[in-house]
Amino acid sequence: VSIPLGKHDGSSISVSLIASYGGDKFLLDTVLDMYSSLREAADAASNLPPVPDTDGDMDTAELFKEK
């Protein structure tokens, strides 16, 4: 099941979930349970400021790890 969550920089964002053979009902029930949480998380993430391009700067990378 692919769940569309919106767009970012003009590109579609989605999450795909799969289940083992015979797990269709479990998968669909899980999607129904998770959908609103996924949408909320996607909406919150879309409102975050962009991460600056560090261009391989290791000091900046270490700074991000500390946060």
PDB file of N, CA and C in Angstrom:
ATOM      1  N   VAL A   1       0.858  -1.163   0.000  1.00  0.00           N
ATOM      2  CA  VAL A   1       0.000   0.000   0.000  1.00  0.00           C
ATOM      3  C   VAL A   1       0.904   1.226   0.000  1.00  0.00           C
ATOM      4  N   SER A   2       0.688   2.144  -0.912  1.00  0.00           N
ATOM      5  CA  SER A   2       1.399   3.415  -0.938  1.00  0.00           C
ATOM      6  C   SER A   2       0.476   4.503  -0.434  1.00  0.00           C
ATOM      7  N   ILE A   3       0.977   5.310   0.503  1.00  0.00           N
ATOM      8  CA  ILE A   3       0.173   6.357   1.116  1.00  0.00           C
ATOM      9  C   ILE A   3       0.771   7.701   0.732  1.00  0.00           C
ATOM     10  N   PRO A   4       0.085   8.497  -0.098  1.00  0.00           N
ATOM     11  CA  PRO A   4       0.596   9.823  -0.450  1.00  0.00           C
ATOM     12  C   PRO A   4       0.534  10.746   0.766  1.00  0.00           C
ATOM     13  N   LEU A   5       1.611  11.490   0.977  1.00  0.00           N
ATOM     14  CA  LEU A   5       1.670  12.374   2.135  1.00  0.00           C
ATOM     15  C   LEU A   5       1.813  13.844   1.769  1.00  0.00           C
ATOM     16  N   GLY A   6       2.007  14.135   0.510  1.00  0.00           N
ATOM     17  CA  GLY A   6       2.135  15.527   0.110  1.00  0.00           C
ATOM     18  C   GLY A   6       3.248  15.716  -0.889  1.00  0.00           C
ATOM     19  N   LYS A   7       3.755  16.942  -0.946  1.00  0.00           N
ATOM     20  CA  LYS A   7       4.827  17.286  -1.885  1.00  0.00           C
ATOM     21  C   LYS A   7       5.900  18.074  -1.156  1.00  0.00           C
ATOM     22  N   HIS A   8       7.125  17.961  -1.652  1.00  0.00           N
ATOM     23  CA  HIS A   8       8.249  18.737  -1.145  1.00  0.00           C
ATOM     24  C   HIS A   8       9.095  19.146  -2.334  1.00  0.00           C
ATOM     25  N   ASP A   9       9.297  20.435  -2.501  1.00  0.00           N
ATOM     26  CA  ASP A   9      10.037  20.963  -3.646  1.00  0.00           C
ATOM     27  C   ASP A   9       9.513  20.418  -4.968  1.00  0.00           C
ATOM     28  N   GLY A  10       8.192  20.276  -5.058  1.00  0.00           N
ATOM     29  CA  GLY A  10       7.580  19.823  -6.297  1.00  0.00           C
ATOM     30  C   GLY A  10       7.586  18.311  -6.494  1.00  0.00           C
ATOM     31  N   SER A  11       8.168  17.571  -5.567  1.00  0.00           N
ATOM     32  CA  SER A  11       8.210  16.110  -5.679  1.00  0.00           C
ATOM     33  C   SER A  11       7.215  15.487  -4.710  1.00  0.00           C
ATOM     34  N   SER A  12       6.542  14.454  -5.169  1.00  0.00           N
ATOM     35  CA  SER A  12       5.588  13.752  -4.316  1.00  0.00           C
ATOM     36  C   SER A  12       6.316  12.959  -3.247  1.00  0.00           C
ATOM     37  N   ILE A  13       5.722  12.924  -2.067  1.00  0.00           N
ATOM     38  CA  ILE A  13       6.259  12.147  -0.952  1.00  0.00           C
ATOM     39  C   ILE A  13       5.210  11.136  -0.543  1.00  0.00           C
ATOM     40  N   SER A  14       5.642   9.898  -0.391  1.00  0.00           N
ATOM     41  CA  SER A  14       4.719   8.858   0.058  1.00  0.00           C
ATOM     42  C   SER A  14       5.498   7.834   0.870  1.00  0.00           C
ATOM     43  N   VAL A  15       4.758   7.004   1.550  1.00  0.00           N
ATOM     44  CA  VAL A  15       5.351   5.897   2.287  1.00  0.00           C
ATOM     45  C   VAL A  15       4.655   4.632   1.790  1.00  0.00           C
ATOM     46  N   SER A  16       5.429   3.573   1.636  1.00  0.00           N
ATOM     47  CA  SER A  16       4.864   2.300   1.187  1.00  0.00           C
ATOM     48  C   SER A  16       5.007   1.272   2.291  1.00  0.00           C
ATOM     49  N   LEU A  17       3.953   0.533   2.509  1.00  0.00           N
ATOM     50  CA  LEU A  17       3.951  -0.527   3.517  1.00  0.00           C
ATOM     51  C   LEU A  17       3.606  -1.845   2.833  1.00  0.00           C
ATOM     52  N   ILE A  18       4.273  -2.906   3.257  1.00  0.00           N
ATOM     53  CA  ILE A  18       3.984  -4.227   2.714  1.00  0.00           C
ATOM     54  C   ILE A  18       3.759  -5.192   3.873  1.00  0.00           C
ATOM     55  N   ALA A  19       3.073  -6.259   3.585  1.00  0.00           N
ATOM     56  CA  ALA A  19       2.834  -7.301   4.582  1.00  0.00           C
ATOM     57  C   ALA A  19       3.172  -8.647   3.954  1.00  0.00           C
ATOM     58  N   SER A  20       3.345  -9.620   4.788  1.00  0.00           N
ATOM     59  CA  SER A  20       3.625 -10.962   4.292  1.00  0.00           C
ATOM     60  C   SER A  20       2.374 -11.558   3.639  1.00  0.00           C
ATOM     61  N   TYR A  21       2.565 -12.640   2.952  1.00  0.00           N
ATOM     62  CA  TYR A  21       1.468 -13.319   2.272  1.00  0.00           C
ATOM     63  C   TYR A  21       0.342 -13.600   3.267  1.00  0.00           C
ATOM     64  N   GLY A  22      -0.859 -13.217   2.888  1.00  0.00           N
ATOM     65  CA  GLY A  22      -2.017 -13.448   3.736  1.00  0.00           C
ATOM     66  C   GLY A  22      -2.254 -12.364   4.776  1.00  0.00           C
ATOM     67  N   GLY A  23      -1.392 -11.349   4.803  1.00  0.00           N
ATOM     68  CA  GLY A  23      -1.512 -10.302   5.807  1.00  0.00           C
ATOM     69  C   GLY A  23      -2.238  -9.070   5.327  1.00  0.00           C
ATOM     70  N   ASP A  24      -3.077  -9.212   4.310  1.00  0.00           N
ATOM     71  CA  ASP A  24      -3.766  -8.058   3.732  1.00  0.00           C
ATOM     72  C   ASP A  24      -4.633  -7.320   4.747  1.00  0.00           C
ATOM     73  N   LYS A  25      -5.415  -8.043   5.508  1.00  0.00           N
ATOM     74  CA  LYS A  25      -6.297  -7.396   6.494  1.00  0.00           C
ATOM     75  C   LYS A  25      -5.474  -6.669   7.546  1.00  0.00           C
ATOM     76  N   PHE A  26      -4.403  -7.309   8.014  1.00  0.00           N
ATOM     77  CA  PHE A  26      -3.522  -6.664   8.990  1.00  0.00           C
ATOM     78  C   PHE A  26      -2.928  -5.382   8.403  1.00  0.00           C
ATOM     79  N   LEU A  27      -2.478  -5.445   7.155  1.00  0.00           N
ATOM     80  CA  LEU A  27      -1.888  -4.276   6.512  1.00  0.00           C
ATOM     81  C   LEU A  27      -2.900  -3.141   6.394  1.00  0.00           C
ATOM     82  N   LEU A  28      -4.082  -3.437   5.928  1.00  0.00           N
ATOM     83  CA  LEU A  28      -5.091  -2.387   5.762  1.00  0.00           C
ATOM     84  C   LEU A  28      -5.535  -1.812   7.104  1.00  0.00           C
ATOM     85  N   ASP A  29      -5.673  -2.661   8.113  1.00  0.00           N
ATOM     86  CA  ASP A  29      -6.009  -2.164   9.453  1.00  0.00           C
ATOM     87  C   ASP A  29      -4.904  -1.263   9.987  1.00  0.00           C
ATOM     88  N   THR A  30      -3.657  -1.647   9.736  1.00  0.00           N
ATOM     89  CA  THR A  30      -2.514  -0.840  10.183  1.00  0.00           C
ATOM     90  C   THR A  30      -2.513   0.518   9.493  1.00  0.00           C
ATOM     91  N   VAL A  31      -2.775   0.525   8.193  1.00  0.00           N
ATOM     92  CA  VAL A  31      -2.836   1.792   7.446  1.00  0.00           C
ATOM     93  C   VAL A  31      -3.934   2.687   8.008  1.00  0.00           C
ATOM     94  N   LEU A  32      -5.089   2.121   8.273  1.00  0.00           N
ATOM     95  CA  LEU A  32      -6.188   2.915   8.840  1.00  0.00           C
ATOM     96  C   LEU A  32      -5.799   3.501  10.196  1.00  0.00           C
ATOM     97  N   ASP A  33      -5.091   2.726  11.008  1.00  0.00           N
ATOM     98  CA  ASP A  33      -4.674   3.201  12.328  1.00  0.00           C
ATOM     99  C   ASP A  33      -3.589   4.270  12.241  1.00  0.00           C
ATOM    100  N   MET A  34      -2.703   4.159  11.274  1.00  0.00           N
ATOM    101  CA  MET A  34      -1.531   5.033  11.206  1.00  0.00           C
ATOM    102  C   MET A  34      -1.720   6.282  10.355  1.00  0.00           C
ATOM    103  N   TYR A  35      -2.710   6.300   9.493  1.00  0.00           N
ATOM    104  CA  TYR A  35      -2.802   7.356   8.490  1.00  0.00           C
ATOM    105  C   TYR A  35      -2.802   8.763   9.093  1.00  0.00           C
ATOM    106  N   SER A  36      -3.631   9.008  10.087  1.00  0.00           N
ATOM    107  CA  SER A  36      -3.703  10.371  10.636  1.00  0.00           C
ATOM    108  C   SER A  36      -2.382  10.767  11.283  1.00  0.00           C
ATOM    109  N   SER A  37      -1.706   9.839  11.936  1.00  0.00           N
ATOM    110  CA  SER A  37      -0.402  10.140  12.535  1.00  0.00           C
ATOM    111  C   SER A  37       0.639  10.445  11.467  1.00  0.00           C
ATOM    112  N   LEU A  38       0.605   9.683  10.376  1.00  0.00           N
ATOM    113  CA  LEU A  38       1.544   9.936   9.281  1.00  0.00           C
ATOM    114  C   LEU A  38       1.306  11.309   8.671  1.00  0.00           C
ATOM    115  N   ARG A  39       0.047  11.671   8.474  1.00  0.00           N
ATOM    116  CA  ARG A  39      -0.275  12.994   7.915  1.00  0.00           C
ATOM    117  C   ARG A  39       0.202  14.108   8.838  1.00  0.00           C
ATOM    118  N   GLU A  40      -0.029  13.966  10.135  1.00  0.00           N
ATOM    119  CA  GLU A  40       0.412  14.982  11.092  1.00  0.00           C
ATOM    120  C   GLU A  40       1.924  15.130  11.059  1.00  0.00           C
ATOM    121  N   ALA A  41       2.638  14.017  11.023  1.00  0.00           N
ATOM    122  CA  ALA A  41       4.101  14.061  10.983  1.00  0.00           C
ATOM    123  C   ALA A  41       4.596  14.698   9.686  1.00  0.00           C
ATOM    124  N   ALA A  42       3.956  14.377   8.579  1.00  0.00           N
ATOM    125  CA  ALA A  42       4.339  14.962   7.292  1.00  0.00           C
ATOM    126  C   ALA A  42       4.071  16.461   7.278  1.00  0.00           C
ATOM    127  N   ASP A  43       2.937  16.877   7.822  1.00  0.00           N
ATOM    128  CA  ASP A  43       2.626  18.307   7.880  1.00  0.00           C
ATOM    129  C   ASP A  43       3.624  19.054   8.768  1.00  0.00           C
ATOM    130  N   ALA A  44       3.974  18.459   9.902  1.00  0.00           N
ATOM    131  CA  ALA A  44       4.942  19.095  10.805  1.00  0.00           C
ATOM    132  C   ALA A  44       6.309  19.188  10.145  1.00  0.00           C
ATOM    133  N   ALA A  45       6.715  18.131   9.449  1.00  0.00           N
ATOM    134  CA  ALA A  45       8.021  18.132   8.798  1.00  0.00           C
ATOM    135  C   ALA A  45       8.073  19.134   7.651  1.00  0.00           C
ATOM    136  N   SER A  46       6.956  19.341   6.982  1.00  0.00           N
ATOM    137  CA  SER A  46       6.958  20.281   5.858  1.00  0.00           C
ATOM    138  C   SER A  46       7.084  21.726   6.325  1.00  0.00           C
ATOM    139  N   ASN A  47       6.826  21.988   7.594  1.00  0.00           N
ATOM    140  CA  ASN A  47       6.934  23.346   8.121  1.00  0.00           C
ATOM    141  C   ASN A  47       8.300  23.645   8.729  1.00  0.00           C
ATOM    142  N   LEU A  48       9.202  22.671   8.733  1.00  0.00           N
ATOM    143  CA  LEU A  48      10.542  22.889   9.267  1.00  0.00           C
ATOM    144  C   LEU A  48      11.386  23.671   8.274  1.00  0.00           C
ATOM    145  N   PRO A  49      12.327  24.480   8.767  1.00  0.00           N
ATOM    146  CA  PRO A  49      13.214  25.179   7.834  1.00  0.00           C
ATOM    147  C   PRO A  49      14.137  24.179   7.144  1.00  0.00           C
ATOM    148  N   PRO A  50      14.561  24.468   5.930  1.00  0.00           N
ATOM    149  CA  PRO A  50      15.442  23.542   5.226  1.00  0.00           C
ATOM    150  C   PRO A  50      16.790  23.417   5.934  1.00  0.00           C
ATOM    151  N   VAL A  51      17.372  22.245   5.827  1.00  0.00           N
ATOM    152  CA  VAL A  51      18.704  22.010   6.383  1.00  0.00           C
ATOM    153  C   VAL A  51      19.706  22.624   5.417  1.00  0.00           C
ATOM    154  N   PRO A  52      20.627  23.441   5.914  1.00  0.00           N
ATOM    155  CA  PRO A  52      21.586  24.076   5.006  1.00  0.00           C
ATOM    156  C   PRO A  52      22.513  23.039   4.372  1.00  0.00           C
ATOM    157  N   ASP A  53      22.934  23.321   3.170  1.00  0.00           N
ATOM    158  CA  ASP A  53      23.861  22.435   2.460  1.00  0.00           C
ATOM    159  C   ASP A  53      25.251  22.612   3.067  1.00  0.00           C
ATOM    160  N   THR A  54      25.793  21.552   3.645  1.00  0.00           N
ATOM    161  CA  THR A  54      27.095  21.645   4.305  1.00  0.00           C
ATOM    162  C   THR A  54      28.240  21.404   3.344  1.00  0.00           C
ATOM    163  N   ASP A  55      27.948  20.883   2.158  1.00  0.00           N
ATOM    164  CA  ASP A  55      28.955  20.652   1.132  1.00  0.00           C
ATOM    165  C   ASP A  55      30.156  19.879   1.678  1.00  0.00           C
ATOM    166  N   GLY A  56      29.887  18.876   2.509  1.00  0.00           N
ATOM    167  CA  GLY A  56      30.964  18.020   3.000  1.00  0.00           C
ATOM    168  C   GLY A  56      31.761  18.609   4.148  1.00  0.00           C
ATOM    169  N   ASP A  57      31.319  19.710   4.739  1.00  0.00           N
ATOM    170  CA  ASP A  57      32.034  20.343   5.846  1.00  0.00           C
ATOM    171  C   ASP A  57      31.867  19.481   7.096  1.00  0.00           C
ATOM    172  N   MET A  58      32.932  18.849   7.546  1.00  0.00           N
ATOM    173  CA  MET A  58      32.866  17.920   8.672  1.00  0.00           C
ATOM    174  C   MET A  58      32.547  18.631   9.984  1.00  0.00           C
ATOM    175  N   ASP A  59      33.014  19.861  10.182  1.00  0.00           N
ATOM    176  CA  ASP A  59      32.690  20.592  11.412  1.00  0.00           C
ATOM    177  C   ASP A  59      31.186  20.816  11.532  1.00  0.00           C
ATOM    178  N   THR A  60      30.567  21.185  10.431  1.00  0.00           N
ATOM    179  CA  THR A  60      29.128  21.387  10.437  1.00  0.00           C
ATOM    180  C   THR A  60      28.405  20.074  10.671  1.00  0.00           C
ATOM    181  N   ALA A  61      28.902  18.996  10.073  1.00  0.00           N
ATOM    182  CA  ALA A  61      28.293  17.683  10.267  1.00  0.00           C
ATOM    183  C   ALA A  61      28.356  17.280  11.738  1.00  0.00           C
ATOM    184  N   GLU A  62      29.473  17.545  12.398  1.00  0.00           N
ATOM    185  CA  GLU A  62      29.604  17.235  13.821  1.00  0.00           C
ATOM    186  C   GLU A  62      28.645  18.084  14.651  1.00  0.00           C
ATOM    187  N   LEU A  63      28.464  19.335  14.263  1.00  0.00           N
ATOM    188  CA  LEU A  63      27.535  20.218  14.963  1.00  0.00           C
ATOM    189  C   LEU A  63      26.109  19.665  14.874  1.00  0.00           C
ATOM    190  N   PHE A  64      25.713  19.192  13.688  1.00  0.00           N
ATOM    191  CA  PHE A  64      24.374  18.623  13.534  1.00  0.00           C
ATOM    192  C   PHE A  64      24.201  17.375  14.384  1.00  0.00           C
ATOM    193  N   LYS A  65      25.249  16.580  14.534  1.00  0.00           N
ATOM    194  CA  LYS A  65      25.156  15.369  15.354  1.00  0.00           C
ATOM    195  C   LYS A  65      24.887  15.717  16.813  1.00  0.00           C
ATOM    196  N   GLU A  66      25.443  16.836  17.270  1.00  0.00           N
ATOM    197  CA  GLU A  66      25.283  17.229  18.663  1.00  0.00           C
ATOM    198  C   GLU A  66      23.862  17.675  18.964  1.00  0.00           C
ATOM    199  N   LYS A  67      23.146  18.181  17.973  1.00  0.00           N
ATOM    200  CA  LYS A  67      21.781  18.655  18.186  1.00  0.00           C
ATOM    201  C   LYS A  67      20.904  17.482  18.229  1.00  0.00           C
TER     202      LYS A  67
END
